[in-house]
Amino acid sequence: MEKLITRKEAASLLGISLATLDVARNSGLISFVQYVDNGCVYFTEAGLQEYVARCTHRAIPEARRETFRKAKAK
């Protein structure tokens, strides 16, 4: 069985606040384990990695644009 991670530990590992973690959990962006209703919520390492992969976007380089600034007067 995989080690269960508490909300506080998960937020710390992801570098986000508990409130942000709860929003992600309630909106279905991150999977969680809860044994009984109104019980403690836990996360798995695989669930956290899946969340990071889902929220990671590849950077697209912006085409170089010429600037239309006037040169400084000396």
PDB file of N, CA and C in Angstrom:
ATOM      1  N   MET A   1       0.846  -1.184   0.000  1.00  0.00           N
ATOM      2  CA  MET A   1       0.000   0.000   0.000  1.00  0.00           C
ATOM      3  C   MET A   1       0.885   1.239   0.000  1.00  0.00           C
ATOM      4  N   GLU A   2       0.489   2.208  -0.760  1.00  0.00           N
ATOM      5  CA  GLU A   2       1.254   3.444  -0.892  1.00  0.00           C
ATOM      6  C   GLU A   2       1.081   4.320   0.355  1.00  0.00           C
ATOM      7  N   LYS A   3       2.131   5.047   0.690  1.00  0.00           N
ATOM      8  CA  LYS A   3       2.098   5.930   1.857  1.00  0.00           C
ATOM      9  C   LYS A   3       1.098   7.057   1.621  1.00  0.00           C
ATOM     10  N   LEU A   4       0.303   7.345   2.630  1.00  0.00           N
ATOM     11  CA  LEU A   4      -0.679   8.422   2.529  1.00  0.00           C
ATOM     12  C   LEU A   4      -0.063   9.721   3.041  1.00  0.00           C
ATOM     13  N   ILE A   5      -0.376  10.803   2.352  1.00  0.00           N
ATOM     14  CA  ILE A   5       0.199  12.116   2.650  1.00  0.00           C
ATOM     15  C   ILE A   5      -0.927  13.023   3.155  1.00  0.00           C
ATOM     16  N   THR A   6      -0.687  13.716   4.244  1.00  0.00           N
ATOM     17  CA  THR A   6      -1.702  14.606   4.813  1.00  0.00           C
ATOM     18  C   THR A   6      -1.858  15.851   3.945  1.00  0.00           C
ATOM     19  N   ARG A   7      -2.922  16.601   4.204  1.00  0.00           N
ATOM     20  CA  ARG A   7      -3.178  17.844   3.463  1.00  0.00           C
ATOM     21  C   ARG A   7      -2.015  18.814   3.625  1.00  0.00           C
ATOM     22  N   LYS A   8      -1.548  18.960   4.854  1.00  0.00           N
ATOM     23  CA  LYS A   8      -0.476  19.910   5.137  1.00  0.00           C
ATOM     24  C   LYS A   8       0.807  19.511   4.408  1.00  0.00           C
ATOM     25  N   GLU A   9       1.141  18.227   4.444  1.00  0.00           N
ATOM     26  CA  GLU A   9       2.337  17.743   3.752  1.00  0.00           C
ATOM     27  C   GLU A   9       2.196  17.911   2.235  1.00  0.00           C
ATOM     28  N   ALA A  10       1.008  17.610   1.714  1.00  0.00           N
ATOM     29  CA  ALA A  10       0.778  17.723   0.271  1.00  0.00           C
ATOM     30  C   ALA A  10       0.911  19.173  -0.184  1.00  0.00           C
ATOM     31  N   ALA A  11       0.327  20.098   0.561  1.00  0.00           N
ATOM     32  CA  ALA A  11       0.430  21.516   0.207  1.00  0.00           C
ATOM     33  C   ALA A  11       1.879  21.968   0.247  1.00  0.00           C
ATOM     34  N   SER A  12       2.620  21.513   1.229  1.00  0.00           N
ATOM     35  CA  SER A  12       4.027  21.876   1.347  1.00  0.00           C
ATOM     36  C   SER A  12       4.843  21.308   0.179  1.00  0.00           C
ATOM     37  N   LEU A  13       4.594  20.050  -0.170  1.00  0.00           N
ATOM     38  CA  LEU A  13       5.312  19.428  -1.287  1.00  0.00           C
ATOM     39  C   LEU A  13       5.022  20.133  -2.615  1.00  0.00           C
ATOM     40  N   LEU A  14       3.771  20.555  -2.800  1.00  0.00           N
ATOM     41  CA  LEU A  14       3.379  21.215  -4.049  1.00  0.00           C
ATOM     42  C   LEU A  14       3.734  22.701  -4.063  1.00  0.00           C
ATOM     43  N   GLY A  15       4.001  23.262  -2.888  1.00  0.00           N
ATOM     44  CA  GLY A  15       4.319  24.685  -2.803  1.00  0.00           C
ATOM     45  C   GLY A  15       3.098  25.570  -2.954  1.00  0.00           C
ATOM     46  N   ILE A  16       1.957  25.069  -2.483  1.00  0.00           N
ATOM     47  CA  ILE A  16       0.714  25.836  -2.550  1.00  0.00           C
ATOM     48  C   ILE A  16       0.099  25.903  -1.160  1.00  0.00           C
ATOM     49  N   SER A  17      -0.906  26.751  -1.002  1.00  0.00           N
ATOM     50  CA  SER A  17      -1.565  26.876   0.293  1.00  0.00           C
ATOM     51  C   SER A  17      -2.591  25.761   0.472  1.00  0.00           C
ATOM     52  N   LEU A  18      -3.030  25.571   1.700  1.00  0.00           N
ATOM     53  CA  LEU A  18      -4.067  24.586   1.987  1.00  0.00           C
ATOM     54  C   LEU A  18      -5.362  24.948   1.266  1.00  0.00           C
ATOM     55  N   ALA A  19      -5.650  26.230   1.178  1.00  0.00           N
ATOM     56  CA  ALA A  19      -6.873  26.675   0.495  1.00  0.00           C
ATOM     57  C   ALA A  19      -6.825  26.315  -0.990  1.00  0.00           C
ATOM     58  N   THR A  20      -5.674  26.518  -1.631  1.00  0.00           N
ATOM     59  CA  THR A  20      -5.519  26.167  -3.043  1.00  0.00           C
ATOM     60  C   THR A  20      -5.636  24.664  -3.235  1.00  0.00           C
ATOM     61  N   LEU A  21      -5.068  23.897  -2.319  1.00  0.00           N
ATOM     62  CA  LEU A  21      -5.166  22.438  -2.380  1.00  0.00           C
ATOM     63  C   LEU A  21      -6.622  21.998  -2.253  1.00  0.00           C
ATOM     64  N   ASP A  22      -7.359  22.620  -1.350  1.00  0.00           N
ATOM     65  CA  ASP A  22      -8.770  22.277  -1.168  1.00  0.00           C
ATOM     66  C   ASP A  22      -9.599  22.624  -2.403  1.00  0.00           C
ATOM     67  N   VAL A  23      -9.297  23.736  -3.039  1.00  0.00           N
ATOM     68  CA  VAL A  23     -10.003  24.113  -4.266  1.00  0.00           C
ATOM     69  C   VAL A  23      -9.734  23.084  -5.359  1.00  0.00           C
ATOM     70  N   ALA A  24      -8.474  22.668  -5.500  1.00  0.00           N
ATOM     71  CA  ALA A  24      -8.117  21.658  -6.498  1.00  0.00           C
ATOM     72  C   ALA A  24      -8.818  20.334  -6.195  1.00  0.00           C
ATOM     73  N   ARG A  25      -8.906  19.978  -4.936  1.00  0.00           N
ATOM     74  CA  ARG A  25      -9.565  18.728  -4.540  1.00  0.00           C
ATOM     75  C   ARG A  25     -11.066  18.793  -4.808  1.00  0.00           C
ATOM     76  N   ASN A  26     -11.685  19.904  -4.411  1.00  0.00           N
ATOM     77  CA  ASN A  26     -13.138  20.044  -4.587  1.00  0.00           C
ATOM     78  C   ASN A  26     -13.547  20.161  -6.051  1.00  0.00           C
ATOM     79  N   SER A  27     -12.651  20.663  -6.899  1.00  0.00           N
ATOM     80  CA  SER A  27     -12.976  20.794  -8.321  1.00  0.00           C
ATOM     81  C   SER A  27     -12.593  19.543  -9.115  1.00  0.00           C
ATOM     82  N   GLY A  28     -12.025  18.556  -8.447  1.00  0.00           N
ATOM     83  CA  GLY A  28     -11.704  17.299  -9.107  1.00  0.00           C
ATOM     84  C   GLY A  28     -10.377  17.279  -9.838  1.00  0.00           C
ATOM     85  N   LEU A  29      -9.515  18.260  -9.596  1.00  0.00           N
ATOM     86  CA  LEU A  29      -8.219  18.308 -10.270  1.00  0.00           C
ATOM     87  C   LEU A  29      -7.200  17.364  -9.652  1.00  0.00           C
ATOM     88  N   ILE A  30      -7.411  17.010  -8.409  1.00  0.00           N
ATOM     89  CA  ILE A  30      -6.446  16.153  -7.706  1.00  0.00           C
ATOM     90  C   ILE A  30      -7.212  15.030  -7.007  1.00  0.00           C
ATOM     91  N   SER A  31      -6.683  13.823  -7.105  1.00  0.00           N
ATOM     92  CA  SER A  31      -7.352  12.690  -6.464  1.00  0.00           C
ATOM     93  C   SER A  31      -6.962  12.631  -4.991  1.00  0.00           C
ATOM     94  N   PHE A  32      -7.866  12.089  -4.184  1.00  0.00           N
ATOM     95  CA  PHE A  32      -7.629  12.020  -2.743  1.00  0.00           C
ATOM     96  C   PHE A  32      -8.271  10.775  -2.167  1.00  0.00           C
ATOM     97  N   VAL A  33      -7.912  10.470  -0.929  1.00  0.00           N
ATOM     98  CA  VAL A  33      -8.449   9.316  -0.210  1.00  0.00           C
ATOM     99  C   VAL A  33      -9.148   9.837   1.034  1.00  0.00           C
ATOM    100  N   GLN A  34     -10.387   9.392   1.237  1.00  0.00           N
ATOM    101  CA  GLN A  34     -11.134   9.768   2.440  1.00  0.00           C
ATOM    102  C   GLN A  34     -11.936   8.539   2.855  1.00  0.00           C
ATOM    103  N   TYR A  35     -11.589   7.961   3.990  1.00  0.00           N
ATOM    104  CA  TYR A  35     -12.196   6.698   4.410  1.00  0.00           C
ATOM    105  C   TYR A  35     -13.643   6.845   4.847  1.00  0.00           C
ATOM    106  N   VAL A  36     -13.974   7.909   5.543  1.00  0.00           N
ATOM    107  CA  VAL A  36     -15.356   8.141   5.978  1.00  0.00           C
ATOM    108  C   VAL A  36     -15.723   9.580   5.650  1.00  0.00           C
ATOM    109  N   ASP A  37     -17.022   9.806   5.438  1.00  0.00           N
ATOM    110  CA  ASP A  37     -17.472  11.179   5.194  1.00  0.00           C
ATOM    111  C   ASP A  37     -17.089  12.055   6.379  1.00  0.00           C
ATOM    112  N   ASN A  38     -16.683  13.261   6.099  1.00  0.00           N
ATOM    113  CA  ASN A  38     -16.229  14.221   7.106  1.00  0.00           C
ATOM    114  C   ASN A  38     -15.007  13.731   7.865  1.00  0.00           C
ATOM    115  N   GLY A  39     -14.268  12.791   7.281  1.00  0.00           N
ATOM    116  CA  GLY A  39     -13.048  12.287   7.898  1.00  0.00           C
ATOM    117  C   GLY A  39     -11.835  12.992   7.308  1.00  0.00           C
ATOM    118  N   CYS A  40     -10.674  12.565   7.741  1.00  0.00           N
ATOM    119  CA  CYS A  40      -9.429  13.154   7.257  1.00  0.00           C
ATOM    120  C   CYS A  40      -9.227  12.835   5.779  1.00  0.00           C
ATOM    121  N   VAL A  41      -8.634  13.790   5.077  1.00  0.00           N
ATOM    122  CA  VAL A  41      -8.354  13.648   3.653  1.00  0.00           C
ATOM    123  C   VAL A  41      -6.866  13.383   3.494  1.00  0.00           C
ATOM    124  N   TYR A  42      -6.521  12.403   2.663  1.00  0.00           N
ATOM    125  CA  TYR A  42      -5.134  12.054   2.390  1.00  0.00           C
ATOM    126  C   TYR A  42      -4.898  12.038   0.885  1.00  0.00           C
ATOM    127  N   PHE A  43      -3.641  12.162   0.516  1.00  0.00           N
ATOM    128  CA  PHE A  43      -3.240  12.135  -0.884  1.00  0.00           C
ATOM    129  C   PHE A  43      -2.151  11.092  -1.059  1.00  0.00           C
ATOM    130  N   THR A  44      -1.979  10.613  -2.288  1.00  0.00           N
ATOM    131  CA  THR A  44      -0.901   9.684  -2.593  1.00  0.00           C
ATOM    132  C   THR A  44       0.135  10.406  -3.450  1.00  0.00           C
ATOM    133  N   GLU A  45       1.343   9.886  -3.458  1.00  0.00           N
ATOM    134  CA  GLU A  45       2.402  10.494  -4.259  1.00  0.00           C
ATOM    135  C   GLU A  45       2.039  10.450  -5.741  1.00  0.00           C
ATOM    136  N   ALA A  46       1.445   9.349  -6.167  1.00  0.00           N
ATOM    137  CA  ALA A  46       1.030   9.230  -7.569  1.00  0.00           C
ATOM    138  C   ALA A  46      -0.021  10.281  -7.920  1.00  0.00           C
ATOM    139  N   GLY A  47      -0.955  10.530  -7.009  1.00  0.00           N
ATOM    140  CA  GLY A  47      -1.982  11.552  -7.224  1.00  0.00           C
ATOM    141  C   GLY A  47      -1.387  12.944  -7.333  1.00  0.00           C
ATOM    142  N   LEU A  48      -0.374  13.222  -6.496  1.00  0.00           N
ATOM    143  CA  LEU A  48       0.281  14.532  -6.545  1.00  0.00           C
ATOM    144  C   LEU A  48       1.061  14.695  -7.847  1.00  0.00           C
ATOM    145  N   GLN A  49       1.747  13.632  -8.279  1.00  0.00           N
ATOM    146  CA  GLN A  49       2.496  13.701  -9.537  1.00  0.00           C
ATOM    147  C   GLN A  49       1.554  13.894 -10.719  1.00  0.00           C
ATOM    148  N   GLU A  50       0.409  13.233 -10.682  1.00  0.00           N
ATOM    149  CA  GLU A  50      -0.591  13.382 -11.740  1.00  0.00           C
ATOM    150  C   GLU A  50      -1.107  14.821 -11.790  1.00  0.00           C
ATOM    151  N   TYR A  51      -1.340  15.407 -10.625  1.00  0.00           N
ATOM    152  CA  TYR A  51      -1.807  16.795 -10.546  1.00  0.00           C
ATOM    153  C   TYR A  51      -0.769  17.753 -11.136  1.00  0.00           C
ATOM    154  N   VAL A  52       0.498  17.559 -10.785  1.00  0.00           N
ATOM    155  CA  VAL A  52       1.564  18.421 -11.305  1.00  0.00           C
ATOM    156  C   VAL A  52       1.657  18.279 -12.821  1.00  0.00           C
ATOM    157  N   ALA A  53       1.570  17.051 -13.320  1.00  0.00           N
ATOM    158  CA  ALA A  53       1.640  16.825 -14.762  1.00  0.00           C
ATOM    159  C   ALA A  53       0.458  17.483 -15.478  1.00  0.00           C
ATOM    160  N   ARG A  54      -0.717  17.418 -14.860  1.00  0.00           N
ATOM    161  CA  ARG A  54      -1.909  18.011 -15.469  1.00  0.00           C
ATOM    162  C   ARG A  54      -1.827  19.542 -15.491  1.00  0.00           C
ATOM    163  N   CYS A  55      -1.182  20.117 -14.493  1.00  0.00           N
ATOM    164  CA  CYS A  55      -1.130  21.577 -14.378  1.00  0.00           C
ATOM    165  C   CYS A  55       0.117  22.182 -15.016  1.00  0.00           C
ATOM    166  N   THR A  56       0.995  21.344 -15.551  1.00  0.00           N
ATOM    167  CA  THR A  56       2.215  21.847 -16.163  1.00  0.00           C
ATOM    168  C   THR A  56       1.960  22.120 -17.645  1.00  0.00           C
ATOM    169  N   HIS A  57       2.321  23.309 -18.076  1.00  0.00           N
ATOM    170  CA  HIS A  57       2.131  23.697 -19.478  1.00  0.00           C
ATOM    171  C   HIS A  57       3.494  23.969 -20.092  1.00  0.00           C
ATOM    172  N   ARG A  58       3.665  23.520 -21.301  1.00  0.00           N
ATOM    173  CA  ARG A  58       4.918  23.720 -22.007  1.00  0.00           C
ATOM    174  C   ARG A  58       4.989  25.164 -22.487  1.00  0.00           C
ATOM    175  N   ALA A  59       6.131  25.784 -22.252  1.00  0.00           N
ATOM    176  CA  ALA A  59       6.319  27.180 -22.671  1.00  0.00           C
ATOM    177  C   ALA A  59       6.489  27.238 -24.184  1.00  0.00           C
ATOM    178  N   ILE A  60       5.820  28.187 -24.797  1.00  0.00           N
ATOM    179  CA  ILE A  60       5.937  28.396 -26.231  1.00  0.00           C
ATOM    180  C   ILE A  60       6.731  29.677 -26.433  1.00  0.00           C
ATOM    181  N   PRO A  61       7.889  29.578 -27.101  1.00  0.00           N
ATOM    182  CA  PRO A  61       8.698  30.780 -27.280  1.00  0.00           C
ATOM    183  C   PRO A  61       7.961  31.803 -28.138  1.00  0.00           C
ATOM    184  N   GLU A  62       8.045  33.011 -27.716  1.00  0.00           N
ATOM    185  CA  GLU A  62       7.392  34.097 -28.430  1.00  0.00           C
ATOM    186  C   GLU A  62       8.316  34.558 -29.547  1.00  0.00           C
ATOM    187  N   ALA A  63       7.744  34.818 -30.701  1.00  0.00           N
ATOM    188  CA  ALA A  63       8.545  35.289 -31.828  1.00  0.00           C
ATOM    189  C   ALA A  63       9.136  36.654 -31.487  1.00  0.00           C
ATOM    190  N   ARG A  64      10.357  36.851 -31.913  1.00  0.00           N
ATOM    191  CA  ARG A  64      10.994  38.146 -31.633  1.00  0.00           C
ATOM    192  C   ARG A  64      10.291  39.243 -32.410  1.00  0.00           C
ATOM    193  N   ARG A  65       9.992  40.289 -31.718  1.00  0.00           N
ATOM    194  CA  ARG A  65       9.333  41.423 -32.347  1.00  0.00           C
ATOM    195  C   ARG A  65      10.263  42.613 -32.312  1.00  0.00           C
ATOM    196  N   GLU A  66      10.167  43.384 -33.353  1.00  0.00           N
ATOM    197  CA  GLU A  66      10.943  44.623 -33.342  1.00  0.00           C
ATOM    198  C   GLU A  66      10.248  45.608 -32.415  1.00  0.00           C
ATOM    199  N   THR A  67      11.036  46.372 -31.727  1.00  0.00           N
ATOM    200  CA  THR A  67      10.439  47.393 -30.862  1.00  0.00           C
ATOM    201  C   THR A  67      10.354  48.691 -31.647  1.00  0.00           C
ATOM    202  N   PHE A  68       9.388  49.459 -31.311  1.00  0.00           N
ATOM    203  CA  PHE A  68       9.170  50.715 -32.008  1.00  0.00           C
ATOM    204  C   PHE A  68       9.465  51.899 -31.100  1.00  0.00           C
ATOM    205  N   ARG A  69      10.408  51.698 -30.203  1.00  0.00           N
ATOM    206  CA  ARG A  69      10.799  52.794 -29.316  1.00  0.00           C
ATOM    207  C   ARG A  69      11.776  53.708 -30.039  1.00  0.00           C
ATOM    208  N   LYS A  70      11.705  54.941 -29.664  1.00  0.00           N
ATOM    209  CA  LYS A  70      12.657  55.908 -30.218  1.00  0.00           C
ATOM    210  C   LYS A  70      13.973  55.786 -29.448  1.00  0.00           C
ATOM    211  N   ALA A  71      15.059  55.946 -30.125  1.00  0.00           N
ATOM    212  CA  ALA A  71      16.366  55.886 -29.488  1.00  0.00           C
ATOM    213  C   ALA A  71      16.506  57.049 -28.524  1.00  0.00           C
ATOM    214  N   LYS A  72      17.244  56.828 -27.443  1.00  0.00           N
ATOM    215  CA  LYS A  72      17.480  57.893 -26.470  1.00  0.00           C
ATOM    216  C   LYS A  72      18.341  58.971 -27.074  1.00  0.00           C
ATOM    217  N   ALA A  73      17.982  60.192 -26.788  1.00  0.00           N
ATOM    218  CA  ALA A  73      18.791  61.321 -27.237  1.00  0.00           C
ATOM    219  C   ALA A  73      19.960  61.495 -26.281  1.00  0.00           C
ATOM    220  N   LYS A  74      21.126  61.729 -26.829  1.00  0.00           N
ATOM    221  CA  LYS A  74      22.322  61.881 -25.999  1.00  0.00           C
ATOM    222  C   LYS A  74      22.579  63.319 -25.646  1.00  0.00           C
TER     223      LYS A  74
END
